[in-house]
Amino acid sequence: MKNIAAYVIFILFMTILLPLFLVKGCNPDNGEKPTKKTQQKIIEGKELIKIYNTKTGNTEEMELEEYLKGVVAAEMPAAFHIEALKAQAIAARTYALTRIERFSEGQIDHITAPLCTGIHCQAYLTLEELGQAHGQSWITEYWPKIMQAVDETKGMVVTFEGELIDAMYHSSSGGVTEDSENVFATAMPYLRSVPSPNEESAPKFSSSITMSFNDFVKKIQEMVPGINITKKNVTEVIKVADKSETGRIKKLMIGEKIIEGRDFRARFNLNSTNFKINLIGDNIEIETLGNGHGVGMSQWGANAMAKNGSTYEEILKHYYLGVEVTKYN
């Protein structure tokens, strides 16, 4: 009988009492996620963020808005229109907060912090580094403008259906941005291909590299060992297997092997995956259009829009579809 009574008590505990404890324990304080509270403290400057310094190997702490000034100055030419710089500040703030939320325990490439000072995350330069790179006259002329862009957009972020977006951006798109899934594998409804006109003044809007045919073959053979490439068969051995509607190479067929366009870009240090390979005599020329992955906001396109009268909100809503530009809360 004692065994039966113990069994009944155990069943009652598991089916009635334990669920009550679990429900009570899982009830969020004030209905708000702890991460949201943390983000709000960061926005208000009450909590410091951790940044891994790729130059020193140290993890540093600083206020978000101070970090953003170094990001905007490193990521976008300070001579750009103030509305473009404001759009950059908001995109960079959104990007940073998203990474802090997603990688609160650190990223695989820098486990001590969710963000780093390199292009792996967002480029960042201190005021001292900016002075060394551009000279004191740059600091005098442009640093107040950088501060204005960040200070006048404090707390502003980009959201989609109430959530922070993955605010991707790049230098120049070559005239049209790219759908996210063609670069990062995940289709995001706000990261759709859109026209980005008037980018022709970008220094890497179109560019090319030239190398000897033999050097080209060596690099290809590092990717596809044993492949036999000659000047006569190069156009048959290397073919476009898949291309996006914007002209960017998604996949190449080299012999019998499929190579991702982004891997080919990295191997040859190309500005973008929108490229063409030309055989010219004893050399190979690779022409590229645009600079960067092509997803999200084009910085040179943003500046062109600003010069034509667009506000930072209009710029952001052009490059990120269906979003809201609002104060974080």
C-alpha atoms as a PDB file:
ATOM      1  CA  MET A   1       0.000   0.000   0.000  1.00  0.00           C
ATOM      2  CA  LYS A   2       2.882   2.365   0.762  1.00  0.00           C
ATOM      3  CA  ASN A   3       4.205   1.824  -2.762  1.00  0.00           C
ATOM      4  CA  ILE A   4       0.809   2.608  -4.259  1.00  0.00           C
ATOM      5  CA  ALA A   5       0.478   5.792  -2.165  1.00  0.00           C
ATOM      6  CA  ALA A   6       3.961   6.962  -3.183  1.00  0.00           C
ATOM      7  CA  TYR A   7       3.147   6.283  -6.816  1.00  0.00           C
ATOM      8  CA  VAL A   8      -0.084   8.345  -6.586  1.00  0.00           C
ATOM      9  CA  ILE A   9       1.778  11.262  -4.956  1.00  0.00           C
ATOM     10  CA  PHE A  10       4.445  11.124  -7.681  1.00  0.00           C
ATOM     11  CA  ILE A  11       1.806  11.204 -10.433  1.00  0.00           C
ATOM     12  CA  LEU A  12       0.028  14.164  -8.807  1.00  0.00           C
ATOM     13  CA  PHE A  13       3.319  16.065  -8.536  1.00  0.00           C
ATOM     14  CA  MET A  14       4.265  15.462 -12.175  1.00  0.00           C
ATOM     15  CA  THR A  15       0.864  16.280 -13.652  1.00  0.00           C
ATOM     16  CA  ILE A  16      -0.299  19.183 -11.470  1.00  0.00           C
ATOM     17  CA  LEU A  17       2.316  20.769  -9.222  1.00  0.00           C
ATOM     18  CA  LEU A  18       5.395  20.643 -11.474  1.00  0.00           C
ATOM     19  CA  PRO A  19       3.679  22.395 -14.435  1.00  0.00           C
ATOM     20  CA  LEU A  20       2.572  25.175 -12.044  1.00  0.00           C
ATOM     21  CA  PHE A  21       6.163  25.730 -10.924  1.00  0.00           C
ATOM     22  CA  LEU A  22       7.398  25.741 -14.511  1.00  0.00           C
ATOM     23  CA  VAL A  23       4.783  28.234 -15.673  1.00  0.00           C
ATOM     24  CA  LYS A  24       5.576  30.543 -12.770  1.00  0.00           C
ATOM     25  CA  GLY A  25       9.302  30.234 -13.374  1.00  0.00           C
ATOM     26  CA  CYS A  26       9.031  30.959 -17.116  1.00  0.00           C
ATOM     27  CA  ASN A  27       6.858  34.027 -16.771  1.00  0.00           C
ATOM     28  CA  PRO A  28       8.961  36.947 -18.074  1.00  0.00           C
ATOM     29  CA  ASP A  29       9.241  40.000 -15.862  1.00  0.00           C
ATOM     30  CA  ASN A  30       6.823  42.672 -17.119  1.00  0.00           C
ATOM     31  CA  GLY A  31       6.339  40.624 -20.325  1.00  0.00           C
ATOM     32  CA  GLU A  32       9.649  41.894 -21.711  1.00  0.00           C
ATOM     33  CA  LYS A  33      12.598  39.844 -22.944  1.00  0.00           C
ATOM     34  CA  PRO A  34      15.802  40.343 -20.947  1.00  0.00           C
ATOM     35  CA  THR A  35      17.668  40.962 -24.207  1.00  0.00           C
ATOM     36  CA  LYS A  36      15.371  43.885 -24.983  1.00  0.00           C
ATOM     37  CA  LYS A  37      16.097  45.461 -21.605  1.00  0.00           C
ATOM     38  CA  THR A  38      19.792  45.066 -22.215  1.00  0.00           C
ATOM     39  CA  GLN A  39      19.505  46.597 -25.675  1.00  0.00           C
ATOM     40  CA  GLN A  40      17.624  49.576 -24.242  1.00  0.00           C
ATOM     41  CA  LYS A  41      20.345  50.148 -21.636  1.00  0.00           C
ATOM     42  CA  ILE A  42      22.938  50.014 -24.414  1.00  0.00           C
ATOM     43  CA  ILE A  43      20.985  52.539 -26.489  1.00  0.00           C
ATOM     44  CA  GLU A  44      20.709  54.877 -23.499  1.00  0.00           C
ATOM     45  CA  GLY A  45      24.444  54.621 -22.817  1.00  0.00           C
ATOM     46  CA  LYS A  46      23.889  52.911 -19.452  1.00  0.00           C
ATOM     47  CA  GLU A  47      25.676  49.741 -20.479  1.00  0.00           C
ATOM     48  CA  LEU A  48      28.938  49.318 -22.386  1.00  0.00           C
ATOM     49  CA  ILE A  49      29.359  46.995 -25.355  1.00  0.00           C
ATOM     50  CA  LYS A  50      32.264  44.630 -25.932  1.00  0.00           C
ATOM     51  CA  ILE A  51      34.363  45.002 -29.077  1.00  0.00           C
ATOM     52  CA  TYR A  52      37.175  42.670 -30.080  1.00  0.00           C
ATOM     53  CA  ASN A  53      40.089  44.719 -31.431  1.00  0.00           C
ATOM     54  CA  THR A  54      41.482  42.788 -34.400  1.00  0.00           C
ATOM     55  CA  LYS A  55      44.692  44.841 -34.344  1.00  0.00           C
ATOM     56  CA  THR A  56      45.641  44.298 -30.704  1.00  0.00           C
ATOM     57  CA  GLY A  57      43.821  41.054 -29.943  1.00  0.00           C
ATOM     58  CA  ASN A  58      42.223  42.689 -26.903  1.00  0.00           C
ATOM     59  CA  THR A  59      38.557  42.971 -26.031  1.00  0.00           C
ATOM     60  CA  GLU A  60      37.549  46.550 -25.255  1.00  0.00           C
ATOM     61  CA  GLU A  61      34.431  48.156 -23.820  1.00  0.00           C
ATOM     62  CA  MET A  62      32.848  51.383 -25.012  1.00  0.00           C
ATOM     63  CA  GLU A  63      29.520  53.152 -25.379  1.00  0.00           C
ATOM     64  CA  LEU A  64      27.521  52.191 -28.459  1.00  0.00           C
ATOM     65  CA  GLU A  65      27.262  55.742 -29.823  1.00  0.00           C
ATOM     66  CA  GLU A  66      31.003  56.335 -29.508  1.00  0.00           C
ATOM     67  CA  TYR A  67      31.644  53.033 -31.276  1.00  0.00           C
ATOM     68  CA  LEU A  68      29.267  54.078 -34.071  1.00  0.00           C
ATOM     69  CA  LYS A  69      31.199  57.281 -34.744  1.00  0.00           C
ATOM     70  CA  GLY A  70      34.308  55.215 -35.423  1.00  0.00           C
ATOM     71  CA  VAL A  71      32.280  52.840 -37.612  1.00  0.00           C
ATOM     72  CA  VAL A  72      30.664  55.548 -39.742  1.00  0.00           C
ATOM     73  CA  ALA A  73      34.041  57.251 -40.237  1.00  0.00           C
ATOM     74  CA  ALA A  74      35.679  53.961 -41.251  1.00  0.00           C
ATOM     75  CA  GLU A  75      32.859  52.599 -43.395  1.00  0.00           C
ATOM     76  CA  MET A  76      31.686  55.622 -45.410  1.00  0.00           C
ATOM     77  CA  PRO A  77      33.565  58.582 -46.934  1.00  0.00           C
ATOM     78  CA  ALA A  78      33.027  61.564 -44.630  1.00  0.00           C
ATOM     79  CA  ALA A  79      32.656  63.824 -47.663  1.00  0.00           C
ATOM     80  CA  PHE A  80      29.316  62.120 -48.398  1.00  0.00           C
ATOM     81  CA  HIS A  81      26.047  63.992 -47.950  1.00  0.00           C
ATOM     82  CA  ILE A  82      24.900  64.228 -44.317  1.00  0.00           C
ATOM     83  CA  GLU A  83      21.696  62.284 -45.090  1.00  0.00           C
ATOM     84  CA  ALA A  84      23.760  59.389 -46.444  1.00  0.00           C
ATOM     85  CA  LEU A  85      25.941  59.490 -43.317  1.00  0.00           C
ATOM     86  CA  LYS A  86      22.817  59.425 -41.146  1.00  0.00           C
ATOM     87  CA  ALA A  87      21.500  56.415 -43.083  1.00  0.00           C
ATOM     88  CA  GLN A  88      24.869  54.730 -42.502  1.00  0.00           C
ATOM     89  CA  ALA A  89      24.740  55.520 -38.779  1.00  0.00           C
ATOM     90  CA  ILE A  90      21.275  53.967 -38.433  1.00  0.00           C
ATOM     91  CA  ALA A  91      22.212  50.904 -40.489  1.00  0.00           C
ATOM     92  CA  ALA A  92      25.396  50.451 -38.440  1.00  0.00           C
ATOM     93  CA  ARG A  93      23.488  50.852 -35.143  1.00  0.00           C
ATOM     94  CA  THR A  94      20.902  48.286 -36.248  1.00  0.00           C
ATOM     95  CA  TYR A  95      23.626  45.902 -37.411  1.00  0.00           C
ATOM     96  CA  ALA A  96      25.477  46.239 -34.097  1.00  0.00           C
ATOM     97  CA  LEU A  97      22.392  45.671 -31.936  1.00  0.00           C
ATOM     98  CA  THR A  98      21.401  42.641 -34.002  1.00  0.00           C
ATOM     99  CA  ARG A  99      24.858  41.123 -33.520  1.00  0.00           C
ATOM    100  CA  ILE A 100      24.867  41.882 -29.803  1.00  0.00           C
ATOM    101  CA  GLU A 101      21.514  40.121 -29.459  1.00  0.00           C
ATOM    102  CA  ARG A 102      22.457  37.184 -31.671  1.00  0.00           C
ATOM    103  CA  PHE A 103      25.978  36.624 -30.376  1.00  0.00           C
ATOM    104  CA  SER A 104      25.766  37.658 -26.740  1.00  0.00           C
ATOM    105  CA  GLU A 105      28.287  34.937 -25.884  1.00  0.00           C
ATOM    106  CA  GLY A 106      30.659  35.966 -28.680  1.00  0.00           C
ATOM    107  CA  GLN A 107      31.164  34.870 -32.274  1.00  0.00           C
ATOM    108  CA  ILE A 108      33.205  31.895 -33.392  1.00  0.00           C
ATOM    109  CA  ASP A 109      35.921  34.175 -34.818  1.00  0.00           C
ATOM    110  CA  HIS A 110      36.063  36.315 -31.665  1.00  0.00           C
ATOM    111  CA  ILE A 111      34.494  34.475 -28.748  1.00  0.00           C
ATOM    112  CA  THR A 112      35.065  37.288 -26.233  1.00  0.00           C
ATOM    113  CA  ALA A 113      32.775  39.779 -27.977  1.00  0.00           C
ATOM    114  CA  PRO A 114      29.797  39.905 -30.373  1.00  0.00           C
ATOM    115  CA  LEU A 115      31.488  42.567 -32.530  1.00  0.00           C
ATOM    116  CA  CYS A 116      34.984  43.231 -33.848  1.00  0.00           C
ATOM    117  CA  THR A 117      36.808  46.211 -35.349  1.00  0.00           C
ATOM    118  CA  GLY A 118      37.446  44.495 -38.700  1.00  0.00           C
ATOM    119  CA  ILE A 119      35.416  44.063 -41.855  1.00  0.00           C
ATOM    120  CA  HIS A 120      34.297  40.668 -40.540  1.00  0.00           C
ATOM    121  CA  CYS A 121      31.725  42.760 -38.636  1.00  0.00           C
ATOM    122  CA  GLN A 122      31.970  46.510 -39.199  1.00  0.00           C
ATOM    123  CA  ALA A 123      35.175  48.433 -39.777  1.00  0.00           C
ATOM    124  CA  TYR A 124      36.027  50.716 -36.855  1.00  0.00           C
ATOM    125  CA  LEU A 125      38.754  53.329 -36.383  1.00  0.00           C
ATOM    126  CA  THR A 126      39.599  55.423 -33.343  1.00  0.00           C
ATOM    127  CA  LEU A 127      39.961  59.184 -33.641  1.00  0.00           C
ATOM    128  CA  GLU A 128      43.727  58.732 -33.366  1.00  0.00           C
ATOM    129  CA  GLU A 129      43.738  56.155 -36.179  1.00  0.00           C
ATOM    130  CA  LEU A 130      41.603  58.425 -38.347  1.00  0.00           C
ATOM    131  CA  GLY A 131      44.074  61.252 -37.811  1.00  0.00           C
ATOM    132  CA  GLN A 132      46.961  58.992 -38.782  1.00  0.00           C
ATOM    133  CA  ALA A 133      45.105  57.815 -41.884  1.00  0.00           C
ATOM    134  CA  HIS A 134      43.758  61.164 -43.106  1.00  0.00           C
ATOM    135  CA  GLY A 135      45.676  63.899 -41.310  1.00  0.00           C
ATOM    136  CA  GLN A 136      44.635  66.509 -38.773  1.00  0.00           C
ATOM    137  CA  SER A 137      42.880  68.610 -41.398  1.00  0.00           C
ATOM    138  CA  TRP A 138      40.438  65.729 -41.955  1.00  0.00           C
ATOM    139  CA  ILE A 139      39.662  65.637 -38.234  1.00  0.00           C
ATOM    140  CA  THR A 140      38.989  69.369 -38.185  1.00  0.00           C
ATOM    141  CA  GLU A 141      36.798  69.321 -41.277  1.00  0.00           C
ATOM    142  CA  TYR A 142      34.947  66.027 -41.050  1.00  0.00           C
ATOM    143  CA  TRP A 143      34.828  64.711 -37.473  1.00  0.00           C
ATOM    144  CA  PRO A 144      32.078  67.203 -36.486  1.00  0.00           C
ATOM    145  CA  LYS A 145      30.055  65.918 -39.440  1.00  0.00           C
ATOM    146  CA  ILE A 146      30.493  62.301 -38.306  1.00  0.00           C
ATOM    147  CA  MET A 147      29.394  63.242 -34.789  1.00  0.00           C
ATOM    148  CA  GLN A 148      26.359  65.070 -36.200  1.00  0.00           C
ATOM    149  CA  ALA A 149      25.271  62.027 -38.221  1.00  0.00           C
ATOM    150  CA  VAL A 150      25.423  59.768 -35.159  1.00  0.00           C
ATOM    151  CA  ASP A 151      24.137  62.228 -32.543  1.00  0.00           C
ATOM    152  CA  GLU A 152      21.142  63.380 -34.589  1.00  0.00           C
ATOM    153  CA  THR A 153      20.015  59.776 -35.165  1.00  0.00           C
ATOM    154  CA  LYS A 154      20.641  58.517 -31.627  1.00  0.00           C
ATOM    155  CA  GLY A 155      18.505  55.478 -30.872  1.00  0.00           C
ATOM    156  CA  MET A 156      17.196  55.219 -34.444  1.00  0.00           C
ATOM    157  CA  VAL A 157      17.048  51.687 -35.872  1.00  0.00           C
ATOM    158  CA  VAL A 158      15.520  49.796 -38.801  1.00  0.00           C
ATOM    159  CA  THR A 159      12.867  47.183 -38.040  1.00  0.00           C
ATOM    160  CA  PHE A 160      10.745  44.744 -40.014  1.00  0.00           C
ATOM    161  CA  GLU A 161       7.491  43.634 -38.387  1.00  0.00           C
ATOM    162  CA  GLY A 162       8.741  45.005 -35.085  1.00  0.00           C
ATOM    163  CA  GLU A 163      12.105  43.218 -35.087  1.00  0.00           C
ATOM    164  CA  LEU A 164      15.575  44.560 -35.788  1.00  0.00           C
ATOM    165  CA  ILE A 165      16.695  43.735 -39.306  1.00  0.00           C
ATOM    166  CA  ASP A 166      19.984  42.312 -40.498  1.00  0.00           C
ATOM    167  CA  ALA A 167      21.127  45.662 -41.886  1.00  0.00           C
ATOM    168  CA  MET A 168      23.567  44.513 -44.551  1.00  0.00           C
ATOM    169  CA  TYR A 169      25.339  47.161 -46.615  1.00  0.00           C
ATOM    170  CA  HIS A 170      28.142  47.424 -49.163  1.00  0.00           C
ATOM    171  CA  SER A 171      30.156  49.996 -51.092  1.00  0.00           C
ATOM    172  CA  SER A 172      28.557  49.971 -54.557  1.00  0.00           C
ATOM    173  CA  SER A 173      26.173  47.609 -56.294  1.00  0.00           C
ATOM    174  CA  GLY A 174      26.998  48.301 -59.924  1.00  0.00           C
ATOM    175  CA  GLY A 175      23.489  49.627 -60.504  1.00  0.00           C
ATOM    176  CA  VAL A 176      21.304  47.017 -58.802  1.00  0.00           C
ATOM    177  CA  THR A 177      21.448  45.296 -55.408  1.00  0.00           C
ATOM    178  CA  GLU A 178      21.131  41.548 -54.849  1.00  0.00           C
ATOM    179  CA  ASP A 179      18.577  39.237 -53.189  1.00  0.00           C
ATOM    180  CA  SER A 180      20.031  37.984 -49.900  1.00  0.00           C
ATOM    181  CA  GLU A 181      19.668  34.266 -50.685  1.00  0.00           C
ATOM    182  CA  ASN A 182      21.944  34.598 -53.704  1.00  0.00           C
ATOM    183  CA  VAL A 183      24.810  35.589 -51.398  1.00  0.00           C
ATOM    184  CA  PHE A 184      24.048  34.447 -47.848  1.00  0.00           C
ATOM    185  CA  ALA A 185      21.727  31.489 -48.557  1.00  0.00           C
ATOM    186  CA  THR A 186      18.841  32.907 -46.461  1.00  0.00           C
ATOM    187  CA  ALA A 187      15.974  34.759 -48.152  1.00  0.00           C
ATOM    188  CA  MET A 188      15.023  37.837 -46.131  1.00  0.00           C
ATOM    189  CA  PRO A 189      11.869  39.713 -47.212  1.00  0.00           C
ATOM    190  CA  TYR A 190      13.471  43.123 -46.699  1.00  0.00           C
ATOM    191  CA  LEU A 191      16.746  42.245 -48.470  1.00  0.00           C
ATOM    192  CA  ARG A 192      15.427  42.214 -52.028  1.00  0.00           C
ATOM    193  CA  SER A 193      17.084  43.374 -55.227  1.00  0.00           C
ATOM    194  CA  VAL A 194      16.369  47.046 -55.982  1.00  0.00           C
ATOM    195  CA  PRO A 195      17.735  49.528 -58.528  1.00  0.00           C
ATOM    196  CA  SER A 196      20.635  51.654 -57.319  1.00  0.00           C
ATOM    197  CA  PRO A 197      21.221  54.317 -59.987  1.00  0.00           C
ATOM    198  CA  ASN A 198      23.876  57.023 -60.274  1.00  0.00           C
ATOM    199  CA  GLU A 199      26.723  55.031 -58.749  1.00  0.00           C
ATOM    200  CA  GLU A 200      29.092  55.609 -61.641  1.00  0.00           C
ATOM    201  CA  SER A 201      31.276  57.985 -59.607  1.00  0.00           C
ATOM    202  CA  ALA A 202      32.190  55.169 -57.204  1.00  0.00           C
ATOM    203  CA  PRO A 203      35.924  54.423 -57.592  1.00  0.00           C
ATOM    204  CA  LYS A 204      35.270  50.693 -58.004  1.00  0.00           C
ATOM    205  CA  PHE A 205      31.989  50.884 -59.890  1.00  0.00           C
ATOM    206  CA  SER A 206      33.752  48.972 -62.668  1.00  0.00           C
ATOM    207  CA  SER A 207      37.279  47.617 -62.526  1.00  0.00           C
ATOM    208  CA  SER A 208      39.491  44.850 -63.846  1.00  0.00           C
ATOM    209  CA  ILE A 209      42.545  42.815 -62.972  1.00  0.00           C
ATOM    210  CA  THR A 210      45.022  41.323 -65.419  1.00  0.00           C
ATOM    211  CA  MET A 211      47.376  38.402 -64.910  1.00  0.00           C
ATOM    212  CA  SER A 212      49.377  36.019 -67.026  1.00  0.00           C
ATOM    213  CA  PHE A 213      47.543  32.980 -68.297  1.00  0.00           C
ATOM    214  CA  ASN A 214      49.951  30.709 -66.377  1.00  0.00           C
ATOM    215  CA  ASP A 215      49.288  32.514 -63.077  1.00  0.00           C
ATOM    216  CA  PHE A 216      45.561  32.242 -63.707  1.00  0.00           C
ATOM    217  CA  VAL A 217      45.841  28.494 -64.314  1.00  0.00           C
ATOM    218  CA  LYS A 218      47.861  28.014 -61.106  1.00  0.00           C
ATOM    219  CA  LYS A 219      45.148  29.666 -59.056  1.00  0.00           C
ATOM    220  CA  ILE A 220      42.459  27.582 -60.732  1.00  0.00           C
ATOM    221  CA  GLN A 221      44.440  24.392 -60.090  1.00  0.00           C
ATOM    222  CA  GLU A 222      44.597  25.281 -56.408  1.00  0.00           C
ATOM    223  CA  MET A 223      40.808  25.188 -56.434  1.00  0.00           C
ATOM    224  CA  VAL A 224      40.472  22.204 -58.789  1.00  0.00           C
ATOM    225  CA  PRO A 225      43.641  20.087 -58.554  1.00  0.00           C
ATOM    226  CA  GLY A 226      44.698  18.330 -61.757  1.00  0.00           C
ATOM    227  CA  ILE A 227      42.437  20.351 -64.053  1.00  0.00           C
ATOM    228  CA  ASN A 228      43.901  20.720 -67.548  1.00  0.00           C
ATOM    229  CA  ILE A 229      43.422  24.245 -68.906  1.00  0.00           C
ATOM    230  CA  THR A 230      44.893  25.604 -72.116  1.00  0.00           C
ATOM    231  CA  LYS A 231      44.251  28.757 -74.076  1.00  0.00           C
ATOM    232  CA  LYS A 232      42.295  26.693 -76.579  1.00  0.00           C
ATOM    233  CA  ASN A 233      39.963  25.015 -74.092  1.00  0.00           C
ATOM    234  CA  VAL A 234      39.633  27.655 -71.347  1.00  0.00           C
ATOM    235  CA  THR A 235      36.160  28.774 -72.444  1.00  0.00           C
ATOM    236  CA  GLU A 236      34.988  25.144 -72.482  1.00  0.00           C
ATOM    237  CA  VAL A 237      36.578  24.179 -69.159  1.00  0.00           C
ATOM    238  CA  ILE A 238      35.323  27.221 -67.230  1.00  0.00           C
ATOM    239  CA  LYS A 239      31.618  27.948 -67.689  1.00  0.00           C
ATOM    240  CA  VAL A 240      28.943  29.870 -65.809  1.00  0.00           C
ATOM    241  CA  ALA A 241      26.694  27.296 -64.132  1.00  0.00           C
ATOM    242  CA  ASP A 242      24.316  29.697 -62.390  1.00  0.00           C
ATOM    243  CA  LYS A 243      23.871  33.442 -62.504  1.00  0.00           C
ATOM    244  CA  SER A 244      21.441  35.691 -60.628  1.00  0.00           C
ATOM    245  CA  GLU A 245      19.052  38.012 -62.430  1.00  0.00           C
ATOM    246  CA  THR A 246      21.341  40.913 -61.535  1.00  0.00           C
ATOM    247  CA  GLY A 247      24.268  39.341 -63.404  1.00  0.00           C
ATOM    248  CA  ARG A 248      26.242  38.111 -60.396  1.00  0.00           C
ATOM    249  CA  ILE A 249      27.884  34.703 -60.706  1.00  0.00           C
ATOM    250  CA  LYS A 250      26.389  32.235 -58.238  1.00  0.00           C
ATOM    251  CA  LYS A 251      28.218  29.125 -59.491  1.00  0.00           C
ATOM    252  CA  LEU A 252      30.967  28.269 -61.966  1.00  0.00           C
ATOM    253  CA  MET A 253      31.538  24.866 -63.546  1.00  0.00           C
ATOM    254  CA  ILE A 254      35.288  24.238 -63.726  1.00  0.00           C
ATOM    255  CA  GLY A 255      35.773  20.896 -65.408  1.00  0.00           C
ATOM    256  CA  GLU A 256      33.409  18.629 -63.515  1.00  0.00           C
ATOM    257  CA  LYS A 257      33.494  20.633 -60.281  1.00  0.00           C
ATOM    258  CA  ILE A 258      31.075  23.336 -59.146  1.00  0.00           C
ATOM    259  CA  ILE A 259      32.734  26.382 -57.596  1.00  0.00           C
ATOM    260  CA  GLU A 260      30.723  29.010 -55.707  1.00  0.00           C
ATOM    261  CA  GLY A 261      30.968  32.477 -57.219  1.00  0.00           C
ATOM    262  CA  ARG A 262      31.868  33.959 -53.834  1.00  0.00           C
ATOM    263  CA  ASP A 263      34.722  31.443 -53.460  1.00  0.00           C
ATOM    264  CA  PHE A 264      36.073  32.369 -56.890  1.00  0.00           C
ATOM    265  CA  ARG A 265      35.782  36.032 -55.941  1.00  0.00           C
ATOM    266  CA  ALA A 266      37.759  35.451 -52.737  1.00  0.00           C
ATOM    267  CA  ARG A 267      40.444  33.395 -54.489  1.00  0.00           C
ATOM    268  CA  PHE A 268      41.106  36.116 -57.059  1.00  0.00           C
ATOM    269  CA  ASN A 269      40.417  39.000 -54.652  1.00  0.00           C
ATOM    270  CA  LEU A 270      37.700  40.431 -56.898  1.00  0.00           C
ATOM    271  CA  ASN A 271      35.548  43.408 -55.931  1.00  0.00           C
ATOM    272  CA  SER A 272      32.309  41.510 -56.542  1.00  0.00           C
ATOM    273  CA  THR A 273      30.803  38.336 -57.989  1.00  0.00           C
ATOM    274  CA  ASN A 274      29.571  40.292 -61.007  1.00  0.00           C
ATOM    275  CA  PHE A 275      32.545  39.411 -63.187  1.00  0.00           C
ATOM    276  CA  LYS A 276      33.592  38.331 -66.687  1.00  0.00           C
ATOM    277  CA  ILE A 277      36.715  36.373 -67.648  1.00  0.00           C
ATOM    278  CA  ASN A 278      38.440  37.386 -70.886  1.00  0.00           C
ATOM    279  CA  LEU A 279      41.436  35.803 -72.634  1.00  0.00           C
ATOM    280  CA  ILE A 280      43.571  38.565 -74.164  1.00  0.00           C
ATOM    281  CA  GLY A 281      46.697  37.239 -75.845  1.00  0.00           C
ATOM    282  CA  ASP A 282      48.893  35.687 -73.160  1.00  0.00           C
ATOM    283  CA  ASN A 283      46.880  37.249 -70.337  1.00  0.00           C
ATOM    284  CA  ILE A 284      43.608  36.800 -68.526  1.00  0.00           C
ATOM    285  CA  GLU A 285      41.524  39.861 -67.721  1.00  0.00           C
ATOM    286  CA  ILE A 286      38.718  39.653 -65.150  1.00  0.00           C
ATOM    287  CA  GLU A 287      36.265  42.555 -65.273  1.00  0.00           C
ATOM    288  CA  THR A 288      34.051  43.297 -62.280  1.00  0.00           C
ATOM    289  CA  LEU A 289      31.053  45.538 -61.697  1.00  0.00           C
ATOM    290  CA  GLY A 290      30.311  46.937 -58.252  1.00  0.00           C
ATOM    291  CA  ASN A 291      32.200  46.587 -54.983  1.00  0.00           C
ATOM    292  CA  GLY A 292      31.022  44.303 -52.196  1.00  0.00           C
ATOM    293  CA  HIS A 293      28.466  41.543 -51.728  1.00  0.00           C
ATOM    294  CA  GLY A 294      25.681  43.688 -53.183  1.00  0.00           C
ATOM    295  CA  VAL A 295      23.064  42.963 -50.488  1.00  0.00           C
ATOM    296  CA  GLY A 296      21.183  45.730 -48.682  1.00  0.00           C
ATOM    297  CA  MET A 297      22.187  49.383 -48.794  1.00  0.00           C
ATOM    298  CA  SER A 298      24.655  50.590 -51.394  1.00  0.00           C
ATOM    299  CA  GLN A 299      26.707  53.344 -49.778  1.00  0.00           C
ATOM    300  CA  TRP A 300      27.452  55.110 -53.058  1.00  0.00           C
ATOM    301  CA  GLY A 301      23.836  54.682 -54.081  1.00  0.00           C
ATOM    302  CA  ALA A 302      22.771  56.189 -50.748  1.00  0.00           C
ATOM    303  CA  ASN A 303      24.966  59.208 -51.371  1.00  0.00           C
ATOM    304  CA  ALA A 304      23.522  59.631 -54.864  1.00  0.00           C
ATOM    305  CA  MET A 305      20.000  59.538 -53.425  1.00  0.00           C
ATOM    306  CA  ALA A 306      20.935  62.073 -50.730  1.00  0.00           C
ATOM    307  CA  LYS A 307      22.445  64.450 -53.268  1.00  0.00           C
ATOM    308  CA  ASN A 308      19.181  64.200 -55.214  1.00  0.00           C
ATOM    309  CA  GLY A 309      17.182  65.265 -52.165  1.00  0.00           C
ATOM    310  CA  SER A 310      16.296  62.004 -50.373  1.00  0.00           C
ATOM    311  CA  THR A 311      16.240  61.883 -46.573  1.00  0.00           C
ATOM    312  CA  TYR A 312      17.956  59.183 -44.539  1.00  0.00           C
ATOM    313  CA  GLU A 313      14.572  57.528 -43.973  1.00  0.00           C
ATOM    314  CA  GLU A 314      13.802  57.473 -47.703  1.00  0.00           C
ATOM    315  CA  ILE A 315      17.238  55.998 -48.394  1.00  0.00           C
ATOM    316  CA  LEU A 316      16.820  53.226 -45.832  1.00  0.00           C
ATOM    317  CA  LYS A 317      13.300  52.370 -46.966  1.00  0.00           C
ATOM    318  CA  HIS A 318      14.515  52.165 -50.572  1.00  0.00           C
ATOM    319  CA  TYR A 319      17.227  49.623 -49.831  1.00  0.00           C
ATOM    320  CA  TYR A 320      15.398  47.685 -47.085  1.00  0.00           C
ATOM    321  CA  LEU A 321      11.892  46.838 -48.271  1.00  0.00           C
ATOM    322  CA  GLY A 322       8.852  47.051 -46.006  1.00  0.00           C
ATOM    323  CA  VAL A 323      10.787  48.376 -43.005  1.00  0.00           C
ATOM    324  CA  GLU A 324      10.206  51.079 -40.422  1.00  0.00           C
ATOM    325  CA  VAL A 325      12.821  53.579 -39.280  1.00  0.00           C
ATOM    326  CA  THR A 326      12.085  54.329 -35.645  1.00  0.00           C
ATOM    327  CA  LYS A 327      13.425  54.925 -32.171  1.00  0.00           C
ATOM    328  CA  TYR A 328      14.335  51.663 -30.476  1.00  0.00           C
ATOM    329  CA  ASN A 329      11.967  50.749 -27.666  1.00  0.00           C
END
